[in-house]
Protein backbone atom coordinates (compact mmCIF):
# COMPACT_ATOMS: atom_id res chain seq x y z
CA MET A 1 -8.24 12.62 -13.43
CA SER A 2 -6.11 9.68 -13.99
CA GLN A 3 -3.65 10.72 -11.54
CA GLU A 4 -6.78 10.07 -8.97
CA ILE A 5 -7.58 6.97 -10.68
CA VAL A 6 -4.10 5.72 -9.65
CA CYS A 7 -4.10 7.54 -6.09
CA GLY A 8 -7.06 5.57 -5.47
CA THR A 9 -5.73 2.51 -6.36
CA LEU A 10 -2.49 3.29 -3.73
CA ALA A 11 -4.58 4.13 -1.00
CA LYS A 12 -6.22 0.33 -1.61
CA LEU A 13 -2.49 -1.05 -0.32
CA GLU A 14 -2.59 1.73 2.25
CA PHE A 15 -0.07 3.95 1.11
CA THR A 16 0.28 7.18 3.03
CA GLU A 17 0.18 10.34 0.24
CA ALA A 18 3.99 10.75 0.92
CA ASP A 19 4.00 6.88 -0.03
CA ALA A 20 2.73 7.91 -3.25
CA ARG A 21 4.72 10.79 -3.91
CA VAL A 22 8.01 8.25 -3.07
CA TYR A 23 6.25 5.98 -5.43
CA LEU A 24 5.50 8.32 -7.92
CA CYS A 25 8.83 9.74 -7.81
CA LEU A 26 10.36 6.43 -8.33
CA ALA A 27 8.23 5.23 -11.37
CA LYS A 28 8.50 8.59 -13.60
CA LYS A 29 11.97 9.21 -13.16
CA GLY A 30 13.30 5.47 -12.80
CA PRO A 31 16.10 4.52 -10.01
CA GLN A 32 16.68 7.10 -7.23
CA LYS A 33 19.35 7.41 -3.86
CA GLY A 34 17.59 8.51 -0.92
CA LYS A 35 19.31 11.97 -1.47
CA ASP A 36 17.70 12.26 -4.97
CA LEU A 37 14.38 11.75 -3.83
CA TYR A 38 14.82 13.85 -0.56
CA VAL A 39 16.46 16.76 -2.43
CA SER A 40 13.13 16.25 -5.63
CA LEU A 41 10.23 15.86 -3.45
CA LYS A 42 11.44 18.28 -1.14
CA MET A 43 10.65 16.07 2.11
CA THR A 44 13.52 15.50 5.19
CA LYS A 45 15.46 12.69 4.58
CA GLN A 46 13.83 10.88 7.49
CA GLN A 47 10.47 11.08 5.92
CA ILE A 48 12.36 9.32 2.70
CA TYR A 49 13.29 6.88 3.88
CA ARG A 50 10.28 6.08 6.62
CA CYS A 51 8.34 5.62 3.10
CA LEU A 52 10.98 3.38 1.40
CA LYS A 53 10.81 0.99 4.51
CA ASN A 54 6.82 1.05 4.08
CA LEU A 55 7.11 1.05 -0.02
CA GLN A 56 9.49 -1.56 0.77
CA LYS A 57 7.27 -4.34 3.29
CA LYS A 58 4.44 -3.96 0.71
CA GLY A 59 7.13 -4.85 -2.14
CA VAL A 60 6.30 -2.32 -4.55
CA VAL A 61 10.14 -0.54 -4.10
CA ASN A 62 13.20 -2.74 -4.30
CA SER A 63 16.54 -1.12 -3.91
CA SER A 64 20.01 -2.62 -4.88
CA CYS A 65 22.81 -3.99 -2.30
CA ASN A 66 25.74 -0.79 -3.21
CA ARG A 67 26.08 2.29 -0.83
CA PRO A 68 24.39 4.17 -1.12
CA ALA A 69 21.25 2.03 -2.32
CA ILE A 70 19.28 2.96 -5.34
CA PHE A 71 15.27 2.95 -5.10
CA TYR A 72 13.48 1.66 -8.05
CA ALA A 73 9.23 1.33 -8.19
CA VAL A 74 8.32 -2.25 -9.34
CA PRO A 75 5.70 -1.93 -12.39
CA PHE A 76 2.37 -0.62 -11.22
CA GLU A 77 0.91 -3.49 -12.95
CA LYS A 78 2.47 -5.73 -9.85
CA ILE A 79 0.75 -3.49 -7.89
CA LEU A 80 -2.63 -4.37 -9.50
CA ASP A 81 -1.75 -7.91 -8.84
CA LEU A 82 -1.15 -7.05 -5.08
CA ILE A 83 -4.10 -5.80 -4.90
CA ILE A 84 -5.95 -8.16 -6.81
CA GLU A 85 -4.43 -11.07 -4.61
CA SER A 86 -5.11 -9.20 -1.44
CA ASN A 87 -8.57 -8.87 -2.02
CA LYS A 88 -9.34 -12.58 -2.90
CA GLU A 89 -7.75 -13.47 0.59
CA LYS A 90 -10.19 -11.22 2.08
CA VAL A 91 -12.78 -12.79 0.30
CA LYS A 92 -12.07 -16.62 0.80
CA ALA A 93 -11.44 -15.13 4.47
CA LEU A 94 -15.50 -14.08 4.25
CA ARG A 95 -16.52 -17.31 2.98
CA ALA A 96 -14.82 -19.13 5.33
CA ASN A 97 -16.07 -17.44 8.42
CA LYS A 98 -19.91 -16.26 6.27
CA GLU A 99 -21.99 -19.16 8.78
CA GLU A 100 -20.32 -17.81 11.90
CA LEU A 101 -20.81 -14.35 11.10
CA VAL A 102 -24.43 -14.70 10.10
CA SER A 103 -25.16 -16.91 13.25
CA SER A 104 -23.36 -13.90 15.19
CA TRP A 105 -25.33 -11.33 13.42
CA ARG A 106 -28.69 -13.23 14.32
CA SER A 107 -27.45 -14.03 18.26
CA ILE A 108 -27.04 -9.81 18.42
CA LEU A 109 -30.44 -9.43 16.39
CA SER A 110 -32.40 -11.38 19.08
CA LEU A 111 -30.64 -10.09 22.00
CA ASP A 112 -33.51 -8.22 24.17
CA PHE A 113 -31.77 -4.84 25.44
CA VAL A 114 -32.53 -3.39 28.62
CA SER A 115 -32.83 0.03 29.25
């Protein structure tokens, strides 16, 4: 049950199933090289590095400057903060556009549709 809750939370940040698997592996096992990830997760090298790139863009995975790079998950609490901030921005945008949206909705409802 608890893993379902966490996966649902990750889905709110638009994690794919593969992204979630990579993040959870890093969170559980600690910093890993890309090769270690694709061996332990039984994914292709391309899949792993695509996921790592997606996760880095979201700000939930970081890497070292070393070669080969070592990847590590940011704390789950940070992900929750990212989701909270994202939702605050969505609410702010809705509030800013509420009157225009309501006006547009009313004009749609008042249109006479001709069959």
